[in-house]
Amino acid sequence: MAELHFTAWLREVAPKAPVHADGATVAEALASLFEVHPNLRSYLLDDQGRLRKHVCIFADGTRLAHGAALTFPVRADSKLYVMQALSGG
């Protein structure tokens, strides 16, 4: 199971400690987590099921391209970090 970590800005709706979730992709791991924490879905995904603009995901130390993050394959020992993306100059 992949291990998911969330930054402090999501702590009101996300688990405070790392959690494990099943899935072969980031999207499947998140879907597994949404079953337990349904309110988290709207913070991470838009109404089309796409990653929100200001959400950034790292998998095993690599920042995932925004458009491909949800389809990224994860291993059983993967560590996923979900955080707020920063923008601007």
PDB file of N, CA and C in Angstrom:
ATOM      1  N   MET A   1       0.838  -1.183   0.000  1.00  0.00           N
ATOM      2  CA  MET A   1       0.000   0.000   0.000  1.00  0.00           C
ATOM      3  C   MET A   1       0.878   1.240   0.000  1.00  0.00           C
ATOM      4  N   ALA A   2       0.506   2.217  -0.802  1.00  0.00           N
ATOM      5  CA  ALA A   2       1.227   3.482  -0.834  1.00  0.00           C
ATOM      6  C   ALA A   2       0.981   4.243   0.475  1.00  0.00           C
ATOM      7  N   GLU A   3       1.979   4.988   0.885  1.00  0.00           N
ATOM      8  CA  GLU A   3       1.875   5.807   2.092  1.00  0.00           C
ATOM      9  C   GLU A   3       1.643   7.247   1.661  1.00  0.00           C
ATOM     10  N   LEU A   4       0.574   7.864   2.156  1.00  0.00           N
ATOM     11  CA  LEU A   4       0.223   9.234   1.784  1.00  0.00           C
ATOM     12  C   LEU A   4       0.465  10.181   2.951  1.00  0.00           C
ATOM     13  N   HIS A   5       1.046  11.324   2.619  1.00  0.00           N
ATOM     14  CA  HIS A   5       1.326  12.389   3.582  1.00  0.00           C
ATOM     15  C   HIS A   5       0.640  13.659   3.078  1.00  0.00           C
ATOM     16  N   PHE A   6       0.111  14.443   3.999  1.00  0.00           N
ATOM     17  CA  PHE A   6      -0.576  15.683   3.640  1.00  0.00           C
ATOM     18  C   PHE A   6       0.021  16.853   4.403  1.00  0.00           C
ATOM     19  N   THR A   7       0.087  18.012   3.744  1.00  0.00           N
ATOM     20  CA  THR A   7       0.610  19.201   4.396  1.00  0.00           C
ATOM     21  C   THR A   7      -0.418  19.776   5.366  1.00  0.00           C
ATOM     22  N   ALA A   8       0.043  20.685   6.178  1.00  0.00           N
ATOM     23  CA  ALA A   8      -0.785  21.255   7.241  1.00  0.00           C
ATOM     24  C   ALA A   8      -2.043  21.949   6.723  1.00  0.00           C
ATOM     25  N   TRP A   9      -1.999  22.518   5.527  1.00  0.00           N
ATOM     26  CA  TRP A   9      -3.175  23.247   5.024  1.00  0.00           C
ATOM     27  C   TRP A   9      -4.369  22.332   4.784  1.00  0.00           C
ATOM     28  N   LEU A  10      -4.138  21.035   4.723  1.00  0.00           N
ATOM     29  CA  LEU A  10      -5.231  20.079   4.546  1.00  0.00           C
ATOM     30  C   LEU A  10      -5.611  19.364   5.838  1.00  0.00           C
ATOM     31  N   ARG A  11      -4.991  19.692   6.928  1.00  0.00           N
ATOM     32  CA  ARG A  11      -5.184  18.934   8.164  1.00  0.00           C
ATOM     33  C   ARG A  11      -6.600  18.986   8.718  1.00  0.00           C
ATOM     34  N   GLU A  12      -7.394  19.970   8.294  1.00  0.00           N
ATOM     35  CA  GLU A  12      -8.772  20.007   8.775  1.00  0.00           C
ATOM     36  C   GLU A  12      -9.618  18.884   8.165  1.00  0.00           C
ATOM     37  N   VAL A  13      -9.218  18.415   6.958  1.00  0.00           N
ATOM     38  CA  VAL A  13      -9.998  17.380   6.291  1.00  0.00           C
ATOM     39  C   VAL A  13      -9.190  16.108   6.020  1.00  0.00           C
ATOM     40  N   ALA A  14      -7.883  16.209   6.080  1.00  0.00           N
ATOM     41  CA  ALA A  14      -7.009  15.062   5.796  1.00  0.00           C
ATOM     42  C   ALA A  14      -6.500  14.452   7.095  1.00  0.00           C
ATOM     43  N   PRO A  15      -6.056  13.217   7.008  1.00  0.00           N
ATOM     44  CA  PRO A  15      -5.464  12.603   8.198  1.00  0.00           C
ATOM     45  C   PRO A  15      -4.232  13.382   8.660  1.00  0.00           C
ATOM     46  N   LYS A  16      -4.049  13.487   9.942  1.00  0.00           N
ATOM     47  CA  LYS A  16      -2.914  14.225  10.494  1.00  0.00           C
ATOM     48  C   LYS A  16      -1.609  13.437  10.374  1.00  0.00           C
ATOM     49  N   ALA A  17      -1.704  12.146  10.404  1.00  0.00           N
ATOM     50  CA  ALA A  17      -0.530  11.279  10.276  1.00  0.00           C
ATOM     51  C   ALA A  17      -0.570  10.602   8.901  1.00  0.00           C
ATOM     52  N   PRO A  18       0.557  10.106   8.432  1.00  0.00           N
ATOM     53  CA  PRO A  18       0.567   9.380   7.162  1.00  0.00           C
ATOM     54  C   PRO A  18      -0.407   8.195   7.208  1.00  0.00           C
ATOM     55  N   VAL A  19      -1.021   7.912   6.075  1.00  0.00           N
ATOM     56  CA  VAL A  19      -1.956   6.797   5.962  1.00  0.00           C
ATOM     57  C   VAL A  19      -1.562   5.927   4.776  1.00  0.00           C
ATOM     58  N   HIS A  20      -2.034   4.698   4.777  1.00  0.00           N
ATOM     59  CA  HIS A  20      -1.764   3.776   3.674  1.00  0.00           C
ATOM     60  C   HIS A  20      -3.039   3.604   2.855  1.00  0.00           C
ATOM     61  N   ALA A  21      -2.866   3.528   1.524  1.00  0.00           N
ATOM     62  CA  ALA A  21      -4.008   3.358   0.637  1.00  0.00           C
ATOM     63  C   ALA A  21      -3.644   2.419  -0.504  1.00  0.00           C
ATOM     64  N   ASP A  22      -4.596   1.580  -0.875  1.00  0.00           N
ATOM     65  CA  ASP A  22      -4.415   0.659  -1.993  1.00  0.00           C
ATOM     66  C   ASP A  22      -4.611   1.384  -3.310  1.00  0.00           C
ATOM     67  N   GLY A  23      -3.941   0.890  -4.338  1.00  0.00           N
ATOM     68  CA  GLY A  23      -4.144   1.399  -5.685  1.00  0.00           C
ATOM     69  C   GLY A  23      -2.897   1.260  -6.521  1.00  0.00           C
ATOM     70  N   ALA A  24      -3.104   1.067  -7.818  1.00  0.00           N
ATOM     71  CA  ALA A  24      -1.985   0.928  -8.740  1.00  0.00           C
ATOM     72  C   ALA A  24      -1.545   2.270  -9.308  1.00  0.00           C
ATOM     73  N   THR A  25      -2.389   3.301  -9.160  1.00  0.00           N
ATOM     74  CA  THR A  25      -2.062   4.652  -9.617  1.00  0.00           C
ATOM     75  C   THR A  25      -2.355   5.636  -8.482  1.00  0.00           C
ATOM     76  N   VAL A  26      -1.904   6.857  -8.661  1.00  0.00           N
ATOM     77  CA  VAL A  26      -2.199   7.902  -7.671  1.00  0.00           C
ATOM     78  C   VAL A  26      -3.710   8.058  -7.544  1.00  0.00           C
ATOM     79  N   ALA A  27      -4.434   8.074  -8.659  1.00  0.00           N
ATOM     80  CA  ALA A  27      -5.894   8.236  -8.622  1.00  0.00           C
ATOM     81  C   ALA A  27      -6.560   7.116  -7.832  1.00  0.00           C
ATOM     82  N   GLU A  28      -6.099   5.880  -8.018  1.00  0.00           N
ATOM     83  CA  GLU A  28      -6.689   4.751  -7.288  1.00  0.00           C
ATOM     84  C   GLU A  28      -6.382   4.824  -5.802  1.00  0.00           C
ATOM     85  N   ALA A  29      -5.169   5.243  -5.462  1.00  0.00           N
ATOM     86  CA  ALA A  29      -4.815   5.393  -4.045  1.00  0.00           C
ATOM     87  C   ALA A  29      -5.669   6.477  -3.400  1.00  0.00           C
ATOM     88  N   LEU A  30      -5.859   7.588  -4.119  1.00  0.00           N
ATOM     89  CA  LEU A  30      -6.693   8.659  -3.585  1.00  0.00           C
ATOM     90  C   LEU A  30      -8.143   8.209  -3.464  1.00  0.00           C
ATOM     91  N   ALA A  31      -8.650   7.490  -4.447  1.00  0.00           N
ATOM     92  CA  ALA A  31     -10.034   6.996  -4.392  1.00  0.00           C
ATOM     93  C   ALA A  31     -10.239   6.106  -3.171  1.00  0.00           C
ATOM     94  N   SER A  32      -9.249   5.295  -2.881  1.00  0.00           N
ATOM     95  CA  SER A  32      -9.312   4.445  -1.689  1.00  0.00           C
ATOM     96  C   SER A  32      -9.387   5.295  -0.426  1.00  0.00           C
ATOM     97  N   LEU A  33      -8.616   6.349  -0.406  1.00  0.00           N
ATOM     98  CA  LEU A  33      -8.610   7.255   0.749  1.00  0.00           C
ATOM     99  C   LEU A  33      -9.920   8.031   0.863  1.00  0.00           C
ATOM    100  N   PHE A  34     -10.497   8.426  -0.285  1.00  0.00           N
ATOM    101  CA  PHE A  34     -11.752   9.181  -0.271  1.00  0.00           C
ATOM    102  C   PHE A  34     -12.898   8.370   0.323  1.00  0.00           C
ATOM    103  N   GLU A  35     -12.801   7.050   0.291  1.00  0.00           N
ATOM    104  CA  GLU A  35     -13.836   6.215   0.903  1.00  0.00           C
ATOM    105  C   GLU A  35     -13.894   6.430   2.411  1.00  0.00           C
ATOM    106  N   VAL A  36     -12.741   6.715   3.001  1.00  0.00           N
ATOM    107  CA  VAL A  36     -12.657   6.927   4.450  1.00  0.00           C
ATOM    108  C   VAL A  36     -12.776   8.414   4.800  1.00  0.00           C
ATOM    109  N   HIS A  37     -12.266   9.276   3.908  1.00  0.00           N
ATOM    110  CA  HIS A  37     -12.266  10.735   4.120  1.00  0.00           C
ATOM    111  C   HIS A  37     -12.917  11.420   2.925  1.00  0.00           C
ATOM    112  N   PRO A  38     -14.247  11.300   2.768  1.00  0.00           N
ATOM    113  CA  PRO A  38     -14.922  11.824   1.569  1.00  0.00           C
ATOM    114  C   PRO A  38     -14.790  13.334   1.382  1.00  0.00           C
ATOM    115  N   ASN A  39     -14.671  14.103   2.447  1.00  0.00           N
ATOM    116  CA  ASN A  39     -14.561  15.558   2.320  1.00  0.00           C
ATOM    117  C   ASN A  39     -13.250  15.987   1.672  1.00  0.00           C
ATOM    118  N   LEU A  40     -12.254  15.145   1.720  1.00  0.00           N
ATOM    119  CA  LEU A  40     -10.955  15.456   1.149  1.00  0.00           C
ATOM    120  C   LEU A  40     -11.022  15.555  -0.374  1.00  0.00           C
ATOM    121  N   ARG A  41     -11.936  14.815  -0.981  1.00  0.00           N
ATOM    122  CA  ARG A  41     -12.032  14.782  -2.447  1.00  0.00           C
ATOM    123  C   ARG A  41     -12.175  16.176  -3.048  1.00  0.00           C
ATOM    124  N   SER A  42     -13.083  16.973  -2.530  1.00  0.00           N
ATOM    125  CA  SER A  42     -13.336  18.298  -3.120  1.00  0.00           C
ATOM    126  C   SER A  42     -12.169  19.268  -2.906  1.00  0.00           C
ATOM    127  N   TYR A  43     -11.311  18.992  -1.971  1.00  0.00           N
ATOM    128  CA  TYR A  43     -10.128  19.834  -1.765  1.00  0.00           C
ATOM    129  C   TYR A  43      -9.034  19.495  -2.783  1.00  0.00           C
ATOM    130  N   LEU A  44      -9.000  18.252  -3.251  1.00  0.00           N
ATOM    131  CA  LEU A  44      -7.941  17.815  -4.156  1.00  0.00           C
ATOM    132  C   LEU A  44      -8.371  17.771  -5.616  1.00  0.00           C
ATOM    133  N   LEU A  45      -9.640  17.414  -5.870  1.00  0.00           N
ATOM    134  CA  LEU A  45     -10.121  17.252  -7.235  1.00  0.00           C
ATOM    135  C   LEU A  45     -11.255  18.219  -7.539  1.00  0.00           C
ATOM    136  N   ASP A  46     -11.324  18.647  -8.806  1.00  0.00           N
ATOM    137  CA  ASP A  46     -12.437  19.510  -9.201  1.00  0.00           C
ATOM    138  C   ASP A  46     -13.653  18.644  -9.538  1.00  0.00           C
ATOM    139  N   ASP A  47     -14.735  19.283  -9.991  1.00  0.00           N
ATOM    140  CA  ASP A  47     -15.964  18.527 -10.265  1.00  0.00           C
ATOM    141  C   ASP A  47     -15.845  17.613 -11.486  1.00  0.00           C
ATOM    142  N   GLN A  48     -14.765  17.742 -12.248  1.00  0.00           N
ATOM    143  CA  GLN A  48     -14.504  16.866 -13.389  1.00  0.00           C
ATOM    144  C   GLN A  48     -13.596  15.694 -13.002  1.00  0.00           C
ATOM    145  N   GLY A  49     -13.164  15.657 -11.736  1.00  0.00           N
ATOM    146  CA  GLY A  49     -12.277  14.603 -11.267  1.00  0.00           C
ATOM    147  C   GLY A  49     -10.811  14.848 -11.578  1.00  0.00           C
ATOM    148  N   ARG A  50     -10.488  16.082 -11.979  1.00  0.00           N
ATOM    149  CA  ARG A  50      -9.093  16.451 -12.274  1.00  0.00           C
ATOM    150  C   ARG A  50      -8.465  17.071 -11.035  1.00  0.00           C
ATOM    151  N   LEU A  51      -7.157  16.948 -10.956  1.00  0.00           N
ATOM    152  CA  LEU A  51      -6.413  17.539  -9.852  1.00  0.00           C
ATOM    153  C   LEU A  51      -6.607  19.051  -9.881  1.00  0.00           C
ATOM    154  N   ARG A  52      -6.918  19.636  -8.749  1.00  0.00           N
ATOM    155  CA  ARG A  52      -7.092  21.091  -8.696  1.00  0.00           C
ATOM    156  C   ARG A  52      -5.786  21.800  -9.056  1.00  0.00           C
ATOM    157  N   LYS A  53      -5.926  22.998  -9.571  1.00  0.00           N
ATOM    158  CA  LYS A  53      -4.798  23.781 -10.080  1.00  0.00           C
ATOM    159  C   LYS A  53      -3.673  23.947  -9.068  1.00  0.00           C
ATOM    160  N   HIS A  54      -4.014  24.182  -7.832  1.00  0.00           N
ATOM    161  CA  HIS A  54      -2.997  24.464  -6.816  1.00  0.00           C
ATOM    162  C   HIS A  54      -2.706  23.281  -5.902  1.00  0.00           C
ATOM    163  N   VAL A  55      -2.854  22.087  -6.436  1.00  0.00           N
ATOM    164  CA  VAL A  55      -2.475  20.879  -5.697  1.00  0.00           C
ATOM    165  C   VAL A  55      -1.287  20.255  -6.420  1.00  0.00           C
ATOM    166  N   CYS A  56      -0.285  19.907  -5.646  1.00  0.00           N
ATOM    167  CA  CYS A  56       0.946  19.325  -6.181  1.00  0.00           C
ATOM    168  C   CYS A  56       1.185  17.991  -5.477  1.00  0.00           C
ATOM    169  N   ILE A  57       1.589  16.990  -6.260  1.00  0.00           N
ATOM    170  CA  ILE A  57       1.858  15.669  -5.690  1.00  0.00           C
ATOM    171  C   ILE A  57       3.280  15.236  -6.024  1.00  0.00           C
ATOM    172  N   PHE A  58       3.970  14.766  -5.017  1.00  0.00           N
ATOM    173  CA  PHE A  58       5.300  14.175  -5.171  1.00  0.00           C
ATOM    174  C   PHE A  58       5.159  12.676  -4.926  1.00  0.00           C
ATOM    175  N   ALA A  59       5.829  11.885  -5.743  1.00  0.00           N
ATOM    176  CA  ALA A  59       5.851  10.434  -5.554  1.00  0.00           C
ATOM    177  C   ALA A  59       7.299   9.998  -5.456  1.00  0.00           C
ATOM    178  N   ASP A  60       7.646   9.430  -4.322  1.00  0.00           N
ATOM    179  CA  ASP A  60       9.002   8.921  -4.105  1.00  0.00           C
ATOM    180  C   ASP A  60      10.070   9.966  -4.421  1.00  0.00           C
ATOM    181  N   GLY A  61       9.818  11.203  -4.000  1.00  0.00           N
ATOM    182  CA  GLY A  61      10.798  12.268  -4.142  1.00  0.00           C
ATOM    183  C   GLY A  61      10.775  13.015  -5.463  1.00  0.00           C
ATOM    184  N   THR A  62       9.875  12.634  -6.376  1.00  0.00           N
ATOM    185  CA  THR A  62       9.802  13.290  -7.676  1.00  0.00           C
ATOM    186  C   THR A  62       8.481  14.033  -7.808  1.00  0.00           C
ATOM    187  N   ARG A  63       8.573  15.314  -8.205  1.00  0.00           N
ATOM    188  CA  ARG A  63       7.339  16.075  -8.413  1.00  0.00           C
ATOM    189  C   ARG A  63       6.678  15.580  -9.687  1.00  0.00           C
ATOM    190  N   LEU A  64       5.408  15.238  -9.579  1.00  0.00           N
ATOM    191  CA  LEU A  64       4.678  14.714 -10.718  1.00  0.00           C
ATOM    192  C   LEU A  64       4.133  15.857 -11.571  1.00  0.00           C
ATOM    193  N   ALA A  65       4.196  15.684 -12.882  1.00  0.00           N
ATOM    194  CA  ALA A  65       3.607  16.665 -13.793  1.00  0.00           C
ATOM    195  C   ALA A  65       2.116  16.754 -13.487  1.00  0.00           C
ATOM    196  N   HIS A  66       1.610  17.966 -13.400  1.00  0.00           N
ATOM    197  CA  HIS A  66       0.236  18.182 -12.961  1.00  0.00           C
ATOM    198  C   HIS A  66      -0.771  17.386 -13.780  1.00  0.00           C
ATOM    199  N   GLY A  67      -0.659  17.416 -15.087  1.00  0.00           N
ATOM    200  CA  GLY A  67      -1.628  16.749 -15.944  1.00  0.00           C
ATOM    201  C   GLY A  67      -1.559  15.232 -15.900  1.00  0.00           C
ATOM    202  N   ALA A  68      -0.434  14.698 -15.486  1.00  0.00           N
ATOM    203  CA  ALA A  68      -0.258  13.245 -15.465  1.00  0.00           C
ATOM    204  C   ALA A  68      -0.192  12.659 -14.059  1.00  0.00           C
ATOM    205  N   ALA A  69      -0.349  13.489 -13.050  1.00  0.00           N
ATOM    206  CA  ALA A  69      -0.162  13.029 -11.669  1.00  0.00           C
ATOM    207  C   ALA A  69      -1.117  11.906 -11.290  1.00  0.00           C
ATOM    208  N   LEU A  70      -2.368  12.002 -11.686  1.00  0.00           N
ATOM    209  CA  LEU A  70      -3.350  11.002 -11.251  1.00  0.00           C
ATOM    210  C   LEU A  70      -3.139   9.645 -11.911  1.00  0.00           C
ATOM    211  N   THR A  71      -2.525   9.620 -13.082  1.00  0.00           N
ATOM    212  CA  THR A  71      -2.298   8.345 -13.777  1.00  0.00           C
ATOM    213  C   THR A  71      -0.933   7.752 -13.457  1.00  0.00           C
ATOM    214  N   PHE A  72      -0.162   8.431 -12.633  1.00  0.00           N
ATOM    215  CA  PHE A  72       1.175   7.947 -12.304  1.00  0.00           C
ATOM    216  C   PHE A  72       1.077   6.628 -11.544  1.00  0.00           C
ATOM    217  N   PRO A  73       1.829   5.603 -11.976  1.00  0.00           N
ATOM    218  CA  PRO A  73       1.789   4.319 -11.265  1.00  0.00           C
ATOM    219  C   PRO A  73       2.521   4.378  -9.929  1.00  0.00           C
ATOM    220  N   VAL A  74       1.956   3.742  -8.930  1.00  0.00           N
ATOM    221  CA  VAL A  74       2.594   3.684  -7.616  1.00  0.00           C
ATOM    222  C   VAL A  74       2.853   2.227  -7.241  1.00  0.00           C
ATOM    223  N   ARG A  75       3.898   2.054  -6.472  1.00  0.00           N
ATOM    224  CA  ARG A  75       4.250   0.725  -5.960  1.00  0.00           C
ATOM    225  C   ARG A  75       3.681   0.580  -4.550  1.00  0.00           C
ATOM    226  N   ALA A  76       3.744  -0.608  -4.032  1.00  0.00           N
ATOM    227  CA  ALA A  76       3.264  -0.861  -2.669  1.00  0.00           C
ATOM    228  C   ALA A  76       4.067  -0.085  -1.641  1.00  0.00           C
ATOM    229  N   ASP A  77       5.341   0.213  -1.939  1.00  0.00           N
ATOM    230  CA  ASP A  77       6.178   0.941  -0.984  1.00  0.00           C
ATOM    231  C   ASP A  77       6.346   2.424  -1.343  1.00  0.00           C
ATOM    232  N   SER A  78       5.520   2.942  -2.261  1.00  0.00           N
ATOM    233  CA  SER A  78       5.620   4.351  -2.657  1.00  0.00           C
ATOM    234  C   SER A  78       5.194   5.276  -1.523  1.00  0.00           C
ATOM    235  N   LYS A  79       5.811   6.432  -1.506  1.00  0.00           N
ATOM    236  CA  LYS A  79       5.431   7.498  -0.583  1.00  0.00           C
ATOM    237  C   LYS A  79       4.931   8.666  -1.419  1.00  0.00           C
ATOM    238  N   LEU A  80       3.693   9.078  -1.163  1.00  0.00           N
ATOM    239  CA  LEU A  80       3.077  10.192  -1.878  1.00  0.00           C
ATOM    240  C   LEU A  80       2.917  11.367  -0.933  1.00  0.00           C
ATOM    241  N   TYR A  81       3.296  12.539  -1.410  1.00  0.00           N
ATOM    242  CA  TYR A  81       3.160  13.765  -0.631  1.00  0.00           C
ATOM    243  C   TYR A  81       2.227  14.697  -1.376  1.00  0.00           C
ATOM    244  N   VAL A  82       1.143  15.088  -0.736  1.00  0.00           N
ATOM    245  CA  VAL A  82       0.139  15.943  -1.353  1.00  0.00           C
ATOM    246  C   VAL A  82       0.233  17.307  -0.671  1.00  0.00           C
ATOM    247  N   MET A  83       0.434  18.337  -1.501  1.00  0.00           N
ATOM    248  CA  MET A  83       0.618  19.677  -0.935  1.00  0.00           C
ATOM    249  C   MET A  83       0.057  20.747  -1.832  1.00  0.00           C
ATOM    250  N   GLN A  84       0.029  21.949  -1.307  1.00  0.00           N
ATOM    251  CA  GLN A  84      -0.426  23.101  -2.055  1.00  0.00           C
ATOM    252  C   GLN A  84       0.712  23.554  -2.954  1.00  0.00           C
ATOM    253  N   ALA A  85       0.400  23.705  -4.250  1.00  0.00           N
ATOM    254  CA  ALA A  85       1.396  24.215  -5.191  1.00  0.00           C
ATOM    255  C   ALA A  85       1.478  25.734  -5.048  1.00  0.00           C
ATOM    256  N   LEU A  86       2.662  26.268  -5.182  1.00  0.00           N
ATOM    257  CA  LEU A  86       2.857  27.705  -5.111  1.00  0.00           C
ATOM    258  C   LEU A  86       2.988  28.262  -6.513  1.00  0.00           C
ATOM    259  N   SER A  87       2.425  29.435  -6.727  1.00  0.00           N
ATOM    260  CA  SER A  87       2.535  30.067  -8.041  1.00  0.00           C
ATOM    261  C   SER A  87       2.787  31.549  -7.838  1.00  0.00           C
ATOM    262  N   GLY A  88       3.135  32.188  -8.891  1.00  0.00           N
ATOM    263  CA  GLY A  88       3.389  33.618  -8.823  1.00  0.00           C
ATOM    264  C   GLY A  88       4.862  33.916  -8.992  1.00  0.00           C
ATOM    265  N   GLY A  89       5.209  35.160  -8.858  1.00  0.00           N
ATOM    266  CA  GLY A  89       6.585  35.563  -9.118  1.00  0.00           C
ATOM    267  C   GLY A  89       7.226  36.070  -7.929  1.00  0.00           C
TER     268      GLY A  89
END
